[in-house]
Each structure stands twice: as structure tokens, then as C-alpha cells.
Amino acid sequence: MRWIIRFSIACVAGIVAIAVLSWVAVGSLDLDPAATTPLILGIVFTVALAVGLMALVFYSSRSGRDDDASIDPPDRKGG
């Protein structure tokens, strides 16, 4: 479980670093703070949600909890 937390933090930190470098390279977009704040919060929320969902997929796959969902249907006889 700790690797998920470390992986999530590393992914978010990497994405934030890329975003900051991109922001510095492009420069200001001349947006007022009322538009910049929701933009940044939306990006952060979307990235955190995506990283969290992918971490849950990996956790579920490694723990074997999703094995029960892949039961083969019984063979049909007749027809």
C-alpha cells in the first residue's frame, strides 16, 4: 500500500514540475486570478483523480481482488 502512495506522490510531483516548466517557458497567459485559480484547481483535481484511479487499478490487479469478476460462464449444451 505504501508503494501506491509513493507512486501517486511521484506522479503528481512530476506533472506539477512539467506544468511549472511549461508555464515558465510559455510565460503568462494574461489571465486574471479569478480565471487562473479555477484552472489550476481543475488541472490538479483531474490529475489527482487520474493517478488515484490508476493506482487503484494496479492495487486491485496485484491483490487478486478482481479475479472473482472474471469467472468463465458455464458451457451451453444443446442448440
PDB file of N, CA and C in Angstrom:
ATOM      1  N   MET A   1       0.815  -1.192   0.000  1.00  0.00           N
ATOM      2  CA  MET A   1       0.000   0.000   0.000  1.00  0.00           C
ATOM      3  C   MET A   1       0.864   1.263   0.000  1.00  0.00           C
ATOM      4  N   ARG A   2       2.016   1.175   0.615  1.00  0.00           N
ATOM      5  CA  ARG A   2       2.883   2.357   0.664  1.00  0.00           C
ATOM      6  C   ARG A   2       3.422   2.717  -0.714  1.00  0.00           C
ATOM      7  N   TRP A   3       3.631   1.701  -1.564  1.00  0.00           N
ATOM      8  CA  TRP A   3       4.156   1.992  -2.895  1.00  0.00           C
ATOM      9  C   TRP A   3       3.144   2.776  -3.705  1.00  0.00           C
ATOM     10  N   ILE A   4       1.854   2.556  -3.439  1.00  0.00           N
ATOM     11  CA  ILE A   4       0.830   3.310  -4.151  1.00  0.00           C
ATOM     12  C   ILE A   4       0.914   4.782  -3.775  1.00  0.00           C
ATOM     13  N   ILE A   5       1.092   5.043  -2.510  1.00  0.00           N
ATOM     14  CA  ILE A   5       1.186   6.429  -2.048  1.00  0.00           C
ATOM     15  C   ILE A   5       2.437   7.091  -2.621  1.00  0.00           C
ATOM     16  N   ARG A   6       3.559   6.373  -2.588  1.00  0.00           N
ATOM     17  CA  ARG A   6       4.798   6.942  -3.142  1.00  0.00           C
ATOM     18  C   ARG A   6       4.669   7.163  -4.645  1.00  0.00           C
ATOM     19  N   PHE A   7       4.075   6.187  -5.344  1.00  0.00           N
ATOM     20  CA  PHE A   7       3.879   6.312  -6.781  1.00  0.00           C
ATOM     21  C   PHE A   7       2.976   7.497  -7.106  1.00  0.00           C
ATOM     22  N   SER A   8       1.896   7.650  -6.361  1.00  0.00           N
ATOM     23  CA  SER A   8       0.960   8.754  -6.596  1.00  0.00           C
ATOM     24  C   SER A   8       1.625  10.103  -6.365  1.00  0.00           C
ATOM     25  N   ILE A   9       2.369  10.206  -5.294  1.00  0.00           N
ATOM     26  CA  ILE A   9       3.055  11.467  -4.989  1.00  0.00           C
ATOM     27  C   ILE A   9       4.103  11.769  -6.059  1.00  0.00           C
ATOM     28  N   ALA A  10       4.829  10.744  -6.501  1.00  0.00           N
ATOM     29  CA  ALA A  10       5.841  10.955  -7.541  1.00  0.00           C
ATOM     30  C   ALA A  10       5.196  11.397  -8.856  1.00  0.00           C
ATOM     31  N   CYS A  11       4.069  10.786  -9.212  1.00  0.00           N
ATOM     32  CA  CYS A  11       3.381  11.173 -10.453  1.00  0.00           C
ATOM     33  C   CYS A  11       2.873  12.606 -10.380  1.00  0.00           C
ATOM     34  N   VAL A  12       2.233  12.948  -9.295  1.00  0.00           N
ATOM     35  CA  VAL A  12       1.705  14.303  -9.148  1.00  0.00           C
ATOM     36  C   VAL A  12       2.851  15.316  -9.130  1.00  0.00           C
ATOM     37  N   ALA A  13       3.939  14.989  -8.442  1.00  0.00           N
ATOM     38  CA  ALA A  13       5.083  15.907  -8.408  1.00  0.00           C
ATOM     39  C   ALA A  13       5.691  16.078  -9.800  1.00  0.00           C
ATOM     40  N   GLY A  14       5.788  14.994 -10.543  1.00  0.00           N
ATOM     41  CA  GLY A  14       6.318  15.078 -11.908  1.00  0.00           C
ATOM     42  C   GLY A  14       5.439  15.921 -12.810  1.00  0.00           C
ATOM     43  N   ILE A  15       4.130  15.742 -12.693  1.00  0.00           N
ATOM     44  CA  ILE A  15       3.204  16.517 -13.517  1.00  0.00           C
ATOM     45  C   ILE A  15       3.240  17.990 -13.129  1.00  0.00           C
ATOM     46  N   VAL A  16       3.340  18.261 -11.847  1.00  0.00           N
ATOM     47  CA  VAL A  16       3.439  19.652 -11.395  1.00  0.00           C
ATOM     48  C   VAL A  16       4.736  20.281 -11.917  1.00  0.00           C
ATOM     49  N   ALA A  17       5.828  19.517 -11.872  1.00  0.00           N
ATOM     50  CA  ALA A  17       7.105  20.048 -12.371  1.00  0.00           C
ATOM     51  C   ALA A  17       7.020  20.356 -13.868  1.00  0.00           C
ATOM     52  N   ILE A  18       6.417  19.468 -14.634  1.00  0.00           N
ATOM     53  CA  ILE A  18       6.255  19.712 -16.067  1.00  0.00           C
ATOM     54  C   ILE A  18       5.358  20.920 -16.307  1.00  0.00           C
ATOM     55  N   ALA A  19       4.295  21.053 -15.525  1.00  0.00           N
ATOM     56  CA  ALA A  19       3.392  22.189 -15.680  1.00  0.00           C
ATOM     57  C   ALA A  19       4.106  23.508 -15.356  1.00  0.00           C
ATOM     58  N   VAL A  20       4.904  23.510 -14.301  1.00  0.00           N
ATOM     59  CA  VAL A  20       5.630  24.730 -13.925  1.00  0.00           C
ATOM     60  C   VAL A  20       6.651  25.087 -15.006  1.00  0.00           C
ATOM     61  N   LEU A  21       7.378  24.082 -15.514  1.00  0.00           N
ATOM     62  CA  LEU A  21       8.347  24.362 -16.576  1.00  0.00           C
ATOM     63  C   LEU A  21       7.652  24.869 -17.834  1.00  0.00           C
ATOM     64  N   SER A  22       6.517  24.308 -18.151  1.00  0.00           N
ATOM     65  CA  SER A  22       5.757  24.779 -19.311  1.00  0.00           C
ATOM     66  C   SER A  22       5.262  26.203 -19.105  1.00  0.00           C
ATOM     67  N   TRP A  23       4.792  26.491 -17.907  1.00  0.00           N
ATOM     68  CA  TRP A  23       4.290  27.824 -17.592  1.00  0.00           C
ATOM     69  C   TRP A  23       5.409  28.851 -17.724  1.00  0.00           C
ATOM     70  N   VAL A  24       6.599  28.501 -17.226  1.00  0.00           N
ATOM     71  CA  VAL A  24       7.740  29.421 -17.306  1.00  0.00           C
ATOM     72  C   VAL A  24       8.185  29.596 -18.761  1.00  0.00           C
ATOM     73  N   ALA A  25       8.177  28.506 -19.532  1.00  0.00           N
ATOM     74  CA  ALA A  25       8.623  28.583 -20.929  1.00  0.00           C
ATOM     75  C   ALA A  25       7.680  29.418 -21.780  1.00  0.00           C
ATOM     76  N   VAL A  26       6.367  29.263 -21.555  1.00  0.00           N
ATOM     77  CA  VAL A  26       5.383  29.983 -22.356  1.00  0.00           C
ATOM     78  C   VAL A  26       5.210  31.403 -21.859  1.00  0.00           C
ATOM     79  N   GLY A  27       5.295  31.559 -20.578  1.00  0.00           N
ATOM     80  CA  GLY A  27       5.076  32.867 -19.980  1.00  0.00           C
ATOM     81  C   GLY A  27       3.652  32.995 -19.490  1.00  0.00           C
ATOM     82  N   SER A  28       3.310  34.150 -19.058  1.00  0.00           N
ATOM     83  CA  SER A  28       1.970  34.390 -18.531  1.00  0.00           C
ATOM     84  C   SER A  28       0.943  34.353 -19.653  1.00  0.00           C
ATOM     85  N   LEU A  29      -0.230  33.852 -19.347  1.00  0.00           N
ATOM     86  CA  LEU A  29      -1.311  33.810 -20.328  1.00  0.00           C
ATOM     87  C   LEU A  29      -2.206  35.034 -20.221  1.00  0.00           C
ATOM     88  N   ASP A  30      -1.816  35.974 -19.393  1.00  0.00           N
ATOM     89  CA  ASP A  30      -2.569  37.205 -19.154  1.00  0.00           C
ATOM     90  C   ASP A  30      -3.997  36.929 -18.687  1.00  0.00           C
ATOM     91  N   LEU A  31      -4.138  35.922 -17.834  1.00  0.00           N
ATOM     92  CA  LEU A  31      -5.434  35.631 -17.221  1.00  0.00           C
ATOM     93  C   LEU A  31      -5.493  36.293 -15.857  1.00  0.00           C
ATOM     94  N   ASP A  32      -6.667  36.759 -15.502  1.00  0.00           N
ATOM     95  CA  ASP A  32      -6.806  37.335 -14.179  1.00  0.00           C
ATOM     96  C   ASP A  32      -6.871  36.203 -13.151  1.00  0.00           C
ATOM     97  N   PRO A  33      -6.609  36.518 -11.876  1.00  0.00           N
ATOM     98  CA  PRO A  33      -6.602  35.485 -10.835  1.00  0.00           C
ATOM     99  C   PRO A  33      -7.940  34.751 -10.701  1.00  0.00           C
ATOM    100  N   ALA A  34      -9.037  35.395 -11.052  1.00  0.00           N
ATOM    101  CA  ALA A  34     -10.339  34.746 -10.963  1.00  0.00           C
ATOM    102  C   ALA A  34     -10.461  33.612 -11.982  1.00  0.00           C
ATOM    103  N   ALA A  35      -9.701  33.654 -13.058  1.00  0.00           N
ATOM    104  CA  ALA A  35      -9.721  32.584 -14.055  1.00  0.00           C
ATOM    105  C   ALA A  35      -8.578  31.593 -13.843  1.00  0.00           C
ATOM    106  N   THR A  36      -7.451  32.065 -13.339  1.00  0.00           N
ATOM    107  CA  THR A  36      -6.291  31.202 -13.149  1.00  0.00           C
ATOM    108  C   THR A  36      -6.503  30.205 -12.019  1.00  0.00           C
ATOM    109  N   THR A  37      -7.105  30.639 -10.928  1.00  0.00           N
ATOM    110  CA  THR A  37      -7.305  29.766  -9.772  1.00  0.00           C
ATOM    111  C   THR A  37      -8.170  28.552 -10.108  1.00  0.00           C
ATOM    112  N   PRO A  38      -9.351  28.717 -10.706  1.00  0.00           N
ATOM    113  CA  PRO A  38     -10.127  27.517 -11.055  1.00  0.00           C
ATOM    114  C   PRO A  38      -9.426  26.642 -12.099  1.00  0.00           C
ATOM    115  N   LEU A  39      -8.668  27.260 -12.993  1.00  0.00           N
ATOM    116  CA  LEU A  39      -7.940  26.492 -13.990  1.00  0.00           C
ATOM    117  C   LEU A  39      -6.920  25.579 -13.315  1.00  0.00           C
ATOM    118  N   ILE A  40      -6.139  26.130 -12.418  1.00  0.00           N
ATOM    119  CA  ILE A  40      -5.127  25.344 -11.705  1.00  0.00           C
ATOM    120  C   ILE A  40      -5.786  24.281 -10.838  1.00  0.00           C
ATOM    121  N   LEU A  41      -6.841  24.639 -10.112  1.00  0.00           N
ATOM    122  CA  LEU A  41      -7.529  23.657  -9.264  1.00  0.00           C
ATOM    123  C   LEU A  41      -8.147  22.537 -10.096  1.00  0.00           C
ATOM    124  N   GLY A  42      -8.691  22.851 -11.244  1.00  0.00           N
ATOM    125  CA  GLY A  42      -9.259  21.830 -12.107  1.00  0.00           C
ATOM    126  C   GLY A  42      -8.209  20.870 -12.634  1.00  0.00           C
ATOM    127  N   ILE A  43      -7.065  21.397 -13.013  1.00  0.00           N
ATOM    128  CA  ILE A  43      -5.975  20.554 -13.502  1.00  0.00           C
ATOM    129  C   ILE A  43      -5.459  19.655 -12.388  1.00  0.00           C
ATOM    130  N   VAL A  44      -5.251  20.220 -11.208  1.00  0.00           N
ATOM    131  CA  VAL A  44      -4.754  19.436 -10.078  1.00  0.00           C
ATOM    132  C   VAL A  44      -5.754  18.346  -9.695  1.00  0.00           C
ATOM    133  N   PHE A  45      -7.034  18.670  -9.648  1.00  0.00           N
ATOM    134  CA  PHE A  45      -8.052  17.680  -9.297  1.00  0.00           C
ATOM    135  C   PHE A  45      -8.110  16.566 -10.339  1.00  0.00           C
ATOM    136  N   THR A  46      -8.053  16.916 -11.608  1.00  0.00           N
ATOM    137  CA  THR A  46      -8.109  15.911 -12.668  1.00  0.00           C
ATOM    138  C   THR A  46      -6.901  14.984 -12.622  1.00  0.00           C
ATOM    139  N   VAL A  47      -5.721  15.545 -12.422  1.00  0.00           N
ATOM    140  CA  VAL A  47      -4.510  14.733 -12.338  1.00  0.00           C
ATOM    141  C   VAL A  47      -4.557  13.826 -11.112  1.00  0.00           C
ATOM    142  N   ALA A  48      -4.976  14.364  -9.975  1.00  0.00           N
ATOM    143  CA  ALA A  48      -5.054  13.554  -8.756  1.00  0.00           C
ATOM    144  C   ALA A  48      -6.064  12.421  -8.919  1.00  0.00           C
ATOM    145  N   LEU A  49      -7.193  12.693  -9.543  1.00  0.00           N
ATOM    146  CA  LEU A  49      -8.202  11.660  -9.780  1.00  0.00           C
ATOM    147  C   LEU A  49      -7.659  10.580 -10.712  1.00  0.00           C
ATOM    148  N   ALA A  50      -6.997  10.975 -11.787  1.00  0.00           N
ATOM    149  CA  ALA A  50      -6.451  10.005 -12.737  1.00  0.00           C
ATOM    150  C   ALA A  50      -5.378   9.133 -12.094  1.00  0.00           C
ATOM    151  N   VAL A  51      -4.475   9.741 -11.344  1.00  0.00           N
ATOM    152  CA  VAL A  51      -3.415   8.978 -10.681  1.00  0.00           C
ATOM    153  C   VAL A  51      -4.014   8.051  -9.634  1.00  0.00           C
ATOM    154  N   GLY A  52      -4.989   8.536  -8.886  1.00  0.00           N
ATOM    155  CA  GLY A  52      -5.632   7.696  -7.868  1.00  0.00           C
ATOM    156  C   GLY A  52      -6.354   6.505  -8.470  1.00  0.00           C
ATOM    157  N   LEU A  53      -7.068   6.713  -9.569  1.00  0.00           N
ATOM    158  CA  LEU A  53      -7.776   5.607 -10.209  1.00  0.00           C
ATOM    159  C   LEU A  53      -6.802   4.584 -10.798  1.00  0.00           C
ATOM    160  N   MET A  54      -5.726   5.052 -11.406  1.00  0.00           N
ATOM    161  CA  MET A  54      -4.744   4.113 -11.931  1.00  0.00           C
ATOM    162  C   MET A  54      -4.069   3.341 -10.797  1.00  0.00           C
ATOM    163  N   ALA A  55      -3.804   3.991  -9.689  1.00  0.00           N
ATOM    164  CA  ALA A  55      -3.218   3.293  -8.541  1.00  0.00           C
ATOM    165  C   ALA A  55      -4.172   2.222  -8.029  1.00  0.00           C
ATOM    166  N   LEU A  56      -5.469   2.515  -8.005  1.00  0.00           N
ATOM    167  CA  LEU A  56      -6.441   1.513  -7.572  1.00  0.00           C
ATOM    168  C   LEU A  56      -6.514   0.341  -8.543  1.00  0.00           C
ATOM    169  N   VAL A  57      -6.368   0.597  -9.829  1.00  0.00           N
ATOM    170  CA  VAL A  57      -6.355  -0.489 -10.810  1.00  0.00           C
ATOM    171  C   VAL A  57      -5.160  -1.401 -10.562  1.00  0.00           C
ATOM    172  N   PHE A  58      -3.989  -0.811 -10.351  1.00  0.00           N
ATOM    173  CA  PHE A  58      -2.803  -1.617 -10.086  1.00  0.00           C
ATOM    174  C   PHE A  58      -2.940  -2.379  -8.775  1.00  0.00           C
ATOM    175  N   TYR A  59      -3.472  -1.739  -7.752  1.00  0.00           N
ATOM    176  CA  TYR A  59      -3.649  -2.395  -6.459  1.00  0.00           C
ATOM    177  C   TYR A  59      -4.618  -3.565  -6.581  1.00  0.00           C
ATOM    178  N   SER A  60      -5.712  -3.365  -7.284  1.00  0.00           N
ATOM    179  CA  SER A  60      -6.702  -4.410  -7.451  1.00  0.00           C
ATOM    180  C   SER A  60      -6.119  -5.583  -8.230  1.00  0.00           C
ATOM    181  N   SER A  61      -5.340  -5.291  -9.235  1.00  0.00           N
ATOM    182  CA  SER A  61      -4.749  -6.351 -10.048  1.00  0.00           C
ATOM    183  C   SER A  61      -3.732  -7.166  -9.257  1.00  0.00           C
ATOM    184  N   ARG A  62      -2.928  -6.500  -8.466  1.00  0.00           N
ATOM    185  CA  ARG A  62      -1.886  -7.194  -7.706  1.00  0.00           C
ATOM    186  C   ARG A  62      -2.429  -7.930  -6.501  1.00  0.00           C
ATOM    187  N   SER A  63      -3.530  -7.457  -5.926  1.00  0.00           N
ATOM    188  CA  SER A  63      -4.057  -8.099  -4.730  1.00  0.00           C
ATOM    189  C   SER A  63      -4.941  -9.294  -5.052  1.00  0.00           C
ATOM    190  N   GLY A  64      -5.361  -9.434  -6.304  1.00  0.00           N
ATOM    191  CA  GLY A  64      -6.194 -10.559  -6.692  1.00  0.00           C
ATOM    192  C   GLY A  64      -7.666 -10.363  -6.394  1.00  0.00           C
ATOM    193  N   ARG A  65      -8.057  -9.171  -6.029  1.00  0.00           N
ATOM    194  CA  ARG A  65      -9.457  -8.917  -5.695  1.00  0.00           C
ATOM    195  C   ARG A  65     -10.367  -8.929  -6.913  1.00  0.00           C
ATOM    196  N   ASP A  66      -9.817  -8.736  -8.082  1.00  0.00           N
ATOM    197  CA  ASP A  66     -10.654  -8.712  -9.270  1.00  0.00           C
ATOM    198  C   ASP A  66     -10.700 -10.061  -9.990  1.00  0.00           C
ATOM    199  N   ASP A  67     -10.100 -11.093  -9.405  1.00  0.00           N
ATOM    200  CA  ASP A  67     -10.134 -12.410 -10.030  1.00  0.00           C
ATOM    201  C   ASP A  67     -11.535 -13.017 -10.033  1.00  0.00           C
ATOM    202  N   ASP A  68     -12.330 -12.725  -9.017  1.00  0.00           N
ATOM    203  CA  ASP A  68     -13.684 -13.276  -8.941  1.00  0.00           C
ATOM    204  C   ASP A  68     -14.588 -12.729 -10.038  1.00  0.00           C
ATOM    205  N   ALA A  69     -14.267 -11.573 -10.562  1.00  0.00           N
ATOM    206  CA  ALA A  69     -15.106 -10.952 -11.586  1.00  0.00           C
ATOM    207  C   ALA A  69     -14.909 -11.594 -12.956  1.00  0.00           C
ATOM    208  N   SER A  70     -13.884 -12.397 -13.104  1.00  0.00           N
ATOM    209  CA  SER A  70     -13.608 -12.998 -14.406  1.00  0.00           C
ATOM    210  C   SER A  70     -13.916 -14.499 -14.417  1.00  0.00           C
ATOM    211  N   ILE A  71     -15.054 -14.871 -13.857  1.00  0.00           N
ATOM    212  CA  ILE A  71     -15.461 -16.270 -13.846  1.00  0.00           C
ATOM    213  C   ILE A  71     -15.965 -16.640 -15.232  1.00  0.00           C
ATOM    214  N   ASP A  72     -15.535 -17.767 -15.739  1.00  0.00           N
ATOM    215  CA  ASP A  72     -15.979 -18.225 -17.057  1.00  0.00           C
ATOM    216  C   ASP A  72     -17.429 -18.685 -16.973  1.00  0.00           C
ATOM    217  N   PRO A  73     -18.237 -18.330 -17.977  1.00  0.00           N
ATOM    218  CA  PRO A  73     -19.619 -18.796 -17.973  1.00  0.00           C
ATOM    219  C   PRO A  73     -19.677 -20.301 -18.233  1.00  0.00           C
ATOM    220  N   PRO A  74     -20.700 -20.981 -17.740  1.00  0.00           N
ATOM    221  CA  PRO A  74     -20.802 -22.415 -17.982  1.00  0.00           C
ATOM    222  C   PRO A  74     -21.013 -22.712 -19.461  1.00  0.00           C
ATOM    223  N   ASP A  75     -20.554 -23.876 -19.876  1.00  0.00           N
ATOM    224  CA  ASP A  75     -20.723 -24.281 -21.275  1.00  0.00           C
ATOM    225  C   ASP A  75     -22.195 -24.543 -21.551  1.00  0.00           C
ATOM    226  N   ARG A  76     -22.626 -24.094 -22.707  1.00  0.00           N
ATOM    227  CA  ARG A  76     -24.017 -24.336 -23.111  1.00  0.00           C
ATOM    228  C   ARG A  76     -24.097 -25.641 -23.900  1.00  0.00           C
ATOM    229  N   LYS A  77     -25.043 -26.433 -23.523  1.00  0.00           N
ATOM    230  CA  LYS A  77     -25.225 -27.700 -24.230  1.00  0.00           C
ATOM    231  C   LYS A  77     -26.544 -27.654 -24.969  1.00  0.00           C
ATOM    232  N   GLY A  78     -26.536 -28.217 -26.124  1.00  0.00           N
ATOM    233  CA  GLY A  78     -27.750 -28.230 -26.923  1.00  0.00           C
ATOM    234  C   GLY A  78     -27.683 -27.187 -28.022  1.00  0.00           C
ATOM    235  N   GLY A  79     -28.810 -26.995 -28.669  1.00  0.00           N
ATOM    236  CA  GLY A  79     -28.923 -25.951 -29.635  1.00  0.00           C
ATOM    237  C   GLY A  79     -28.571 -26.284 -30.955  1.00  0.00           C
TER     238      GLY A  79
END
